[in-house]
Amino acid sequence: MDEETLKENYKKACDDYLNAFISKHEFDKNDSRWIADRPGEIADVFGYCVDMQTIVDDIDMDAPEDEFLKWYEYTVDMKLLGAETIPNFRSWVRNCPRHSPMKIEELKRHQKDIEKLKEELINSINSINSINEINF
């Protein structure tokens, strides 16, 4: 098989998986594309950035339709909370250990409290610094 045919077959396979993913989740095909026009890497699917392995796993594992959005929301939450490890979609579908929605909400509250305390600390330090500038 020549190189051009190989590339065409690869692109078609990637596009077929992407189209199956779009159809399964009832996303708008017009709002989906391969980022940087590089099939098989990262797709922008209706505003969700999805890597090829997640697309393949979703289709090949016949994952329940709602699991992708649950997993995506979980990964976004965990990244915003600074988690060092986040499950991939395959592990998620296989019921890997994860925090409950209640635990995530608790962590978000703690994070807000910490941010508020940081702001108070910065304000206090700035206040001390401005007093020191006046005295010198």
N, C-alpha and C. Protein backbone atom coordinates (compact mmCIF):
# COMPACT_ATOMS: atom_id res chain seq x y z
N MET A 1 0.86 -1.17 0.00
CA MET A 1 0.00 0.00 0.00
C MET A 1 0.90 1.23 0.00
N ASP A 2 0.60 2.18 -0.88
CA ASP A 2 1.44 3.37 -0.95
C ASP A 2 1.10 4.34 0.19
N GLU A 3 1.99 5.29 0.41
CA GLU A 3 1.86 6.22 1.54
C GLU A 3 0.58 7.06 1.47
N GLU A 4 0.23 7.51 0.29
CA GLU A 4 -0.97 8.34 0.14
C GLU A 4 -2.24 7.57 0.49
N THR A 5 -2.33 6.33 0.05
CA THR A 5 -3.48 5.49 0.37
C THR A 5 -3.56 5.23 1.88
N LEU A 6 -2.40 4.98 2.47
CA LEU A 6 -2.34 4.75 3.91
C LEU A 6 -2.88 5.97 4.67
N LYS A 7 -2.46 7.17 4.28
CA LYS A 7 -2.93 8.40 4.92
C LYS A 7 -4.43 8.61 4.71
N GLU A 8 -4.91 8.33 3.52
CA GLU A 8 -6.34 8.47 3.24
C GLU A 8 -7.17 7.51 4.09
N ASN A 9 -6.68 6.26 4.20
CA ASN A 9 -7.38 5.26 5.02
C ASN A 9 -7.41 5.68 6.50
N TYR A 10 -6.28 6.21 6.97
CA TYR A 10 -6.20 6.66 8.35
C TYR A 10 -7.19 7.80 8.60
N LYS A 11 -7.18 8.79 7.72
CA LYS A 11 -8.09 9.93 7.85
C LYS A 11 -9.54 9.46 7.83
N LYS A 12 -9.87 8.54 6.93
CA LYS A 12 -11.23 8.03 6.85
C LYS A 12 -11.62 7.31 8.14
N ALA A 13 -10.72 6.49 8.66
CA ALA A 13 -11.00 5.77 9.91
C ALA A 13 -11.22 6.75 11.06
N CYS A 14 -10.37 7.77 11.15
CA CYS A 14 -10.52 8.78 12.21
C CYS A 14 -11.84 9.52 12.05
N ASP A 15 -12.15 9.92 10.83
CA ASP A 15 -13.40 10.63 10.56
C ASP A 15 -14.61 9.75 10.88
N ASP A 16 -14.51 8.46 10.56
CA ASP A 16 -15.62 7.54 10.86
C ASP A 16 -15.85 7.44 12.36
N TYR A 17 -14.77 7.32 13.14
CA TYR A 17 -14.91 7.27 14.59
C TYR A 17 -15.50 8.58 15.12
N LEU A 18 -14.98 9.70 14.62
CA LEU A 18 -15.50 11.00 15.06
C LEU A 18 -16.98 11.13 14.74
N ASN A 19 -17.37 10.75 13.54
CA ASN A 19 -18.78 10.83 13.15
C ASN A 19 -19.66 9.91 14.00
N ALA A 20 -19.16 8.72 14.33
CA ALA A 20 -19.91 7.81 15.19
C ALA A 20 -20.08 8.43 16.59
N PHE A 21 -19.04 9.07 17.09
CA PHE A 21 -19.08 9.73 18.40
C PHE A 21 -20.10 10.88 18.39
N ILE A 22 -20.03 11.69 17.34
CA ILE A 22 -20.96 12.82 17.19
C ILE A 22 -22.40 12.32 17.14
N SER A 23 -22.62 11.29 16.35
CA SER A 23 -23.97 10.73 16.20
C SER A 23 -24.47 10.13 17.52
N LYS A 24 -23.61 9.37 18.19
CA LYS A 24 -24.01 8.72 19.45
C LYS A 24 -24.46 9.74 20.48
N HIS A 25 -23.74 10.86 20.57
CA HIS A 25 -24.03 11.86 21.60
C HIS A 25 -24.93 12.99 21.09
N GLU A 26 -25.39 12.84 19.86
CA GLU A 26 -26.31 13.79 19.25
C GLU A 26 -25.78 15.22 19.25
N PHE A 27 -24.45 15.33 18.97
CA PHE A 27 -23.84 16.63 18.80
C PHE A 27 -24.08 17.09 17.37
N ASP A 28 -23.93 18.37 17.13
CA ASP A 28 -24.09 18.92 15.79
C ASP A 28 -22.79 18.72 15.01
N LYS A 29 -22.88 18.01 13.90
CA LYS A 29 -21.69 17.74 13.09
C LYS A 29 -21.04 19.03 12.60
N ASN A 30 -21.85 20.06 12.38
CA ASN A 30 -21.31 21.34 11.91
C ASN A 30 -20.51 22.06 12.98
N ASP A 31 -20.66 21.66 14.25
CA ASP A 31 -19.91 22.26 15.35
C ASP A 31 -18.78 21.35 15.81
N SER A 32 -18.30 20.48 14.92
CA SER A 32 -17.26 19.53 15.27
C SER A 32 -16.20 19.49 14.18
N ARG A 33 -14.93 19.40 14.63
CA ARG A 33 -13.83 19.36 13.66
C ARG A 33 -12.57 18.87 14.36
N TRP A 34 -11.63 18.43 13.56
CA TRP A 34 -10.31 18.09 14.08
C TRP A 34 -9.54 19.39 14.29
N ILE A 35 -9.00 19.59 15.47
CA ILE A 35 -8.24 20.80 15.75
C ILE A 35 -6.98 20.81 14.89
N ALA A 36 -6.69 21.97 14.32
CA ALA A 36 -5.53 22.18 13.43
C ALA A 36 -5.59 21.26 12.22
N ASP A 37 -6.80 20.79 11.90
CA ASP A 37 -6.99 19.91 10.75
C ASP A 37 -6.06 18.70 10.79
N ARG A 38 -5.93 18.11 12.02
CA ARG A 38 -5.06 16.94 12.22
C ARG A 38 -5.90 15.76 12.73
N PRO A 39 -6.46 15.00 11.79
CA PRO A 39 -7.29 13.85 12.17
C PRO A 39 -6.54 12.89 13.08
N GLY A 40 -7.28 12.38 14.08
CA GLY A 40 -6.71 11.38 14.97
C GLY A 40 -6.02 11.95 16.19
N GLU A 41 -6.03 13.28 16.33
CA GLU A 41 -5.39 13.86 17.51
C GLU A 41 -6.45 14.39 18.47
N ILE A 42 -6.79 15.66 18.38
CA ILE A 42 -7.79 16.27 19.26
C ILE A 42 -8.91 16.84 18.40
N ALA A 43 -10.14 16.54 18.81
CA ALA A 43 -11.30 17.07 18.10
C ALA A 43 -12.01 18.09 18.98
N ASP A 44 -12.53 19.12 18.34
CA ASP A 44 -13.43 20.07 19.00
C ASP A 44 -14.83 19.61 18.64
N VAL A 45 -15.50 19.03 19.61
CA VAL A 45 -16.84 18.48 19.39
C VAL A 45 -17.83 19.30 20.19
N PHE A 46 -18.50 20.20 19.50
CA PHE A 46 -19.52 21.03 20.13
C PHE A 46 -18.96 21.76 21.36
N GLY A 47 -17.69 22.19 21.25
CA GLY A 47 -17.05 22.92 22.34
C GLY A 47 -16.28 22.07 23.32
N TYR A 48 -16.37 20.76 23.21
CA TYR A 48 -15.60 19.85 24.06
C TYR A 48 -14.34 19.45 23.32
N CYS A 49 -13.19 19.55 23.98
CA CYS A 49 -11.94 19.07 23.38
C CYS A 49 -11.80 17.59 23.75
N VAL A 50 -11.77 16.74 22.72
CA VAL A 50 -11.78 15.30 22.95
C VAL A 50 -10.64 14.65 22.17
N ASP A 51 -9.80 13.89 22.89
CA ASP A 51 -8.70 13.21 22.21
C ASP A 51 -9.21 11.94 21.53
N MET A 52 -8.45 11.50 20.55
CA MET A 52 -8.86 10.35 19.74
C MET A 52 -9.08 9.10 20.58
N GLN A 53 -8.23 8.87 21.60
CA GLN A 53 -8.37 7.66 22.40
C GLN A 53 -9.70 7.64 23.14
N THR A 54 -10.15 8.80 23.60
CA THR A 54 -11.44 8.88 24.28
C THR A 54 -12.57 8.55 23.30
N ILE A 55 -12.46 9.07 22.09
CA ILE A 55 -13.46 8.79 21.06
C ILE A 55 -13.51 7.29 20.77
N VAL A 56 -12.34 6.70 20.57
CA VAL A 56 -12.26 5.27 20.26
C VAL A 56 -12.82 4.45 21.42
N ASP A 57 -12.40 4.78 22.65
CA ASP A 57 -12.89 4.02 23.81
C ASP A 57 -14.40 4.14 23.95
N ASP A 58 -14.93 5.33 23.75
CA ASP A 58 -16.37 5.53 23.88
C ASP A 58 -17.13 4.64 22.91
N ILE A 59 -16.66 4.56 21.68
CA ILE A 59 -17.33 3.76 20.66
C ILE A 59 -17.06 2.27 20.87
N ASP A 60 -15.79 1.90 21.02
CA ASP A 60 -15.44 0.48 21.11
C ASP A 60 -15.97 -0.19 22.38
N MET A 61 -16.06 0.56 23.47
CA MET A 61 -16.56 0.00 24.73
C MET A 61 -18.08 0.11 24.83
N ASP A 62 -18.68 0.74 23.83
CA ASP A 62 -20.12 0.98 23.85
C ASP A 62 -20.54 1.56 25.21
N ALA A 63 -19.80 2.60 25.60
CA ALA A 63 -20.04 3.25 26.89
C ALA A 63 -21.44 3.85 26.93
N PRO A 64 -22.06 3.82 28.10
CA PRO A 64 -23.38 4.47 28.22
C PRO A 64 -23.29 5.92 27.76
N GLU A 65 -24.32 6.39 27.09
CA GLU A 65 -24.28 7.71 26.47
C GLU A 65 -23.98 8.84 27.44
N ASP A 66 -24.48 8.77 28.65
CA ASP A 66 -24.29 9.88 29.58
C ASP A 66 -22.92 9.87 30.26
N GLU A 67 -22.16 8.80 30.12
CA GLU A 67 -20.88 8.71 30.81
C GLU A 67 -19.85 9.71 30.29
N PHE A 68 -19.87 10.01 29.01
CA PHE A 68 -18.88 10.96 28.47
C PHE A 68 -19.02 12.32 29.16
N LEU A 69 -20.23 12.84 29.25
CA LEU A 69 -20.42 14.16 29.85
C LEU A 69 -20.14 14.14 31.36
N LYS A 70 -20.50 13.05 32.03
CA LYS A 70 -20.17 12.92 33.46
C LYS A 70 -18.65 12.94 33.65
N TRP A 71 -17.95 12.15 32.83
CA TRP A 71 -16.50 12.08 32.92
C TRP A 71 -15.87 13.43 32.59
N TYR A 72 -16.34 14.08 31.55
CA TYR A 72 -15.77 15.36 31.12
C TYR A 72 -15.92 16.40 32.23
N GLU A 73 -17.11 16.49 32.80
CA GLU A 73 -17.35 17.44 33.89
C GLU A 73 -16.46 17.13 35.08
N TYR A 74 -16.31 15.85 35.40
CA TYR A 74 -15.46 15.44 36.51
C TYR A 74 -14.02 15.85 36.26
N THR A 75 -13.52 15.61 35.05
CA THR A 75 -12.12 15.95 34.77
C THR A 75 -11.90 17.46 34.83
N VAL A 76 -12.85 18.24 34.35
CA VAL A 76 -12.72 19.70 34.44
C VAL A 76 -12.69 20.12 35.91
N ASP A 77 -13.62 19.60 36.70
CA ASP A 77 -13.64 19.93 38.13
C ASP A 77 -12.32 19.57 38.80
N MET A 78 -11.83 18.38 38.54
CA MET A 78 -10.60 17.93 39.19
C MET A 78 -9.40 18.76 38.76
N LYS A 79 -9.34 19.14 37.49
CA LYS A 79 -8.24 19.99 37.03
C LYS A 79 -8.29 21.35 37.71
N LEU A 80 -9.49 21.91 37.83
CA LEU A 80 -9.64 23.21 38.49
C LEU A 80 -9.29 23.13 39.98
N LEU A 81 -9.48 21.96 40.56
CA LEU A 81 -9.13 21.76 41.97
C LEU A 81 -7.66 21.42 42.15
N GLY A 82 -6.94 21.26 41.04
CA GLY A 82 -5.50 20.99 41.11
C GLY A 82 -5.12 19.54 41.29
N ALA A 83 -6.01 18.64 40.95
CA ALA A 83 -5.71 17.21 41.09
C ALA A 83 -4.53 16.82 40.22
N GLU A 84 -3.67 15.98 40.77
CA GLU A 84 -2.50 15.53 40.02
C GLU A 84 -2.82 14.36 39.11
N THR A 85 -3.76 13.54 39.48
CA THR A 85 -4.16 12.41 38.65
C THR A 85 -5.64 12.49 38.35
N ILE A 86 -5.95 12.28 37.09
CA ILE A 86 -7.33 12.34 36.62
C ILE A 86 -7.56 11.10 35.76
N PRO A 87 -8.64 10.38 35.98
CA PRO A 87 -8.85 9.14 35.22
C PRO A 87 -9.13 9.41 33.74
N ASN A 88 -8.58 8.53 32.90
CA ASN A 88 -8.95 8.60 31.49
C ASN A 88 -10.34 7.99 31.32
N PHE A 89 -10.90 8.16 30.15
CA PHE A 89 -12.28 7.72 29.93
C PHE A 89 -12.42 6.21 30.09
N ARG A 90 -11.45 5.46 29.60
CA ARG A 90 -11.52 4.00 29.70
C ARG A 90 -11.61 3.56 31.17
N SER A 91 -10.77 4.16 32.02
CA SER A 91 -10.80 3.83 33.45
C SER A 91 -12.13 4.26 34.08
N TRP A 92 -12.62 5.42 33.66
CA TRP A 92 -13.89 5.92 34.18
C TRP A 92 -15.01 4.92 33.91
N VAL A 93 -15.08 4.46 32.66
CA VAL A 93 -16.15 3.54 32.28
C VAL A 93 -16.03 2.23 33.06
N ARG A 94 -14.82 1.88 33.42
CA ARG A 94 -14.59 0.66 34.21
C ARG A 94 -14.74 0.91 35.71
N ASN A 95 -15.30 2.04 36.07
CA ASN A 95 -15.60 2.39 37.47
C ASN A 95 -14.37 2.53 38.36
N CYS A 96 -13.39 3.27 37.88
CA CYS A 96 -12.21 3.55 38.70
C CYS A 96 -12.62 4.35 39.94
N PRO A 97 -11.77 4.35 40.97
CA PRO A 97 -12.08 5.16 42.16
C PRO A 97 -12.19 6.65 41.78
N ARG A 98 -13.14 7.33 42.39
CA ARG A 98 -13.33 8.75 42.12
C ARG A 98 -14.04 9.39 43.31
N HIS A 99 -13.94 10.71 43.35
CA HIS A 99 -14.63 11.46 44.41
C HIS A 99 -16.11 11.56 44.08
N SER A 100 -16.91 11.55 45.12
CA SER A 100 -18.35 11.72 44.95
C SER A 100 -18.66 13.18 44.62
N PRO A 101 -19.82 13.44 44.02
CA PRO A 101 -20.21 14.84 43.78
C PRO A 101 -20.22 15.67 45.06
N MET A 102 -20.61 15.06 46.20
CA MET A 102 -20.60 15.79 47.48
C MET A 102 -19.18 16.19 47.86
N LYS A 103 -18.23 15.27 47.68
CA LYS A 103 -16.83 15.55 48.02
C LYS A 103 -16.28 16.65 47.12
N ILE A 104 -16.63 16.63 45.85
CA ILE A 104 -16.16 17.66 44.93
C ILE A 104 -16.70 19.02 45.35
N GLU A 105 -17.97 19.08 45.74
CA GLU A 105 -18.54 20.35 46.20
C GLU A 105 -17.84 20.83 47.47
N GLU A 106 -17.54 19.90 48.35
CA GLU A 106 -16.81 20.26 49.58
C GLU A 106 -15.43 20.82 49.22
N LEU A 107 -14.74 20.18 48.30
CA LEU A 107 -13.41 20.65 47.88
C LEU A 107 -13.50 22.04 47.23
N LYS A 108 -14.55 22.25 46.45
CA LYS A 108 -14.74 23.57 45.83
C LYS A 108 -14.95 24.64 46.89
N ARG A 109 -15.73 24.32 47.93
CA ARG A 109 -15.95 25.28 49.02
C ARG A 109 -14.64 25.60 49.73
N HIS A 110 -13.85 24.56 50.01
CA HIS A 110 -12.55 24.77 50.65
C HIS A 110 -11.64 25.63 49.77
N GLN A 111 -11.67 25.36 48.47
CA GLN A 111 -10.84 26.14 47.56
C GLN A 111 -11.24 27.62 47.58
N LYS A 112 -12.55 27.90 47.62
CA LYS A 112 -13.03 29.28 47.71
C LYS A 112 -12.58 29.92 49.02
N ASP A 113 -12.67 29.16 50.11
CA ASP A 113 -12.23 29.68 51.40
C ASP A 113 -10.74 30.02 51.37
N ILE A 114 -9.96 29.16 50.78
CA ILE A 114 -8.51 29.39 50.68
C ILE A 114 -8.22 30.63 49.84
N GLU A 115 -8.93 30.78 48.73
CA GLU A 115 -8.73 31.96 47.88
C GLU A 115 -9.08 33.24 48.64
N LYS A 116 -10.14 33.19 49.42
CA LYS A 116 -10.54 34.36 50.22
C LYS A 116 -9.46 34.67 51.25
N LEU A 117 -8.94 33.64 51.91
CA LEU A 117 -7.88 33.85 52.90
C LEU A 117 -6.61 34.39 52.25
N LYS A 118 -6.29 33.91 51.06
CA LYS A 118 -5.12 34.43 50.33
C LYS A 118 -5.28 35.92 50.06
N GLU A 119 -6.48 36.28 49.61
CA GLU A 119 -6.75 37.69 49.32
C GLU A 119 -6.62 38.54 50.58
N GLU A 120 -7.14 38.05 51.70
CA GLU A 120 -7.03 38.77 52.96
C GLU A 120 -5.56 38.91 53.37
N LEU A 121 -4.78 37.86 53.20
CA LEU A 121 -3.36 37.90 53.53
C LEU A 121 -2.63 38.94 52.68
N ILE A 122 -2.89 38.93 51.39
CA ILE A 122 -2.26 39.90 50.50
C ILE A 122 -2.62 41.32 50.89
N ASN A 123 -3.90 41.53 51.20
CA ASN A 123 -4.33 42.86 51.63
C ASN A 123 -3.64 43.28 52.93
N SER A 124 -3.50 42.35 53.86
CA SER A 124 -2.82 42.65 55.12
C SER A 124 -1.36 42.98 54.88
N ILE A 125 -0.70 42.22 54.06
CA ILE A 125 0.71 42.47 53.74
C ILE A 125 0.87 43.83 53.06
N ASN A 126 -0.02 44.13 52.13
CA ASN A 126 0.03 45.42 51.45
C ASN A 126 -0.20 46.56 52.43
N SER A 127 -1.09 46.36 53.38
CA SER A 127 -1.35 47.37 54.39
C SER A 127 -0.12 47.60 55.25
N ILE A 128 0.53 46.53 55.67
CA ILE A 128 1.76 46.64 56.47
C ILE A 128 2.84 47.35 55.67
N ASN A 129 2.98 46.97 54.40
CA ASN A 129 4.00 47.60 53.56
C ASN A 129 3.74 49.09 53.37
N SER A 130 2.49 49.47 53.23
CA SER A 130 2.21 50.90 53.04
C SER A 130 2.46 51.67 54.33
N ILE A 131 2.23 51.06 55.50
CA ILE A 131 2.53 51.72 56.78
C ILE A 131 4.04 51.88 56.93
N ASN A 132 4.80 50.84 56.55
CA ASN A 132 6.26 50.91 56.64
C ASN A 132 6.83 51.97 55.72
N GLU A 133 6.22 52.14 54.57
CA GLU A 133 6.70 53.18 53.63
C GLU A 133 6.49 54.56 54.20
N ILE A 134 5.39 54.76 54.90
CA ILE A 134 5.09 56.06 55.50
C ILE A 134 6.08 56.36 56.64
N ASN A 135 6.43 55.35 57.43
CA ASN A 135 7.32 55.54 58.56
C ASN A 135 8.78 55.73 58.18
N PHE A 136 9.15 55.39 56.98
CA PHE A 136 10.55 55.53 56.59
C PHE A 136 10.73 56.68 55.71
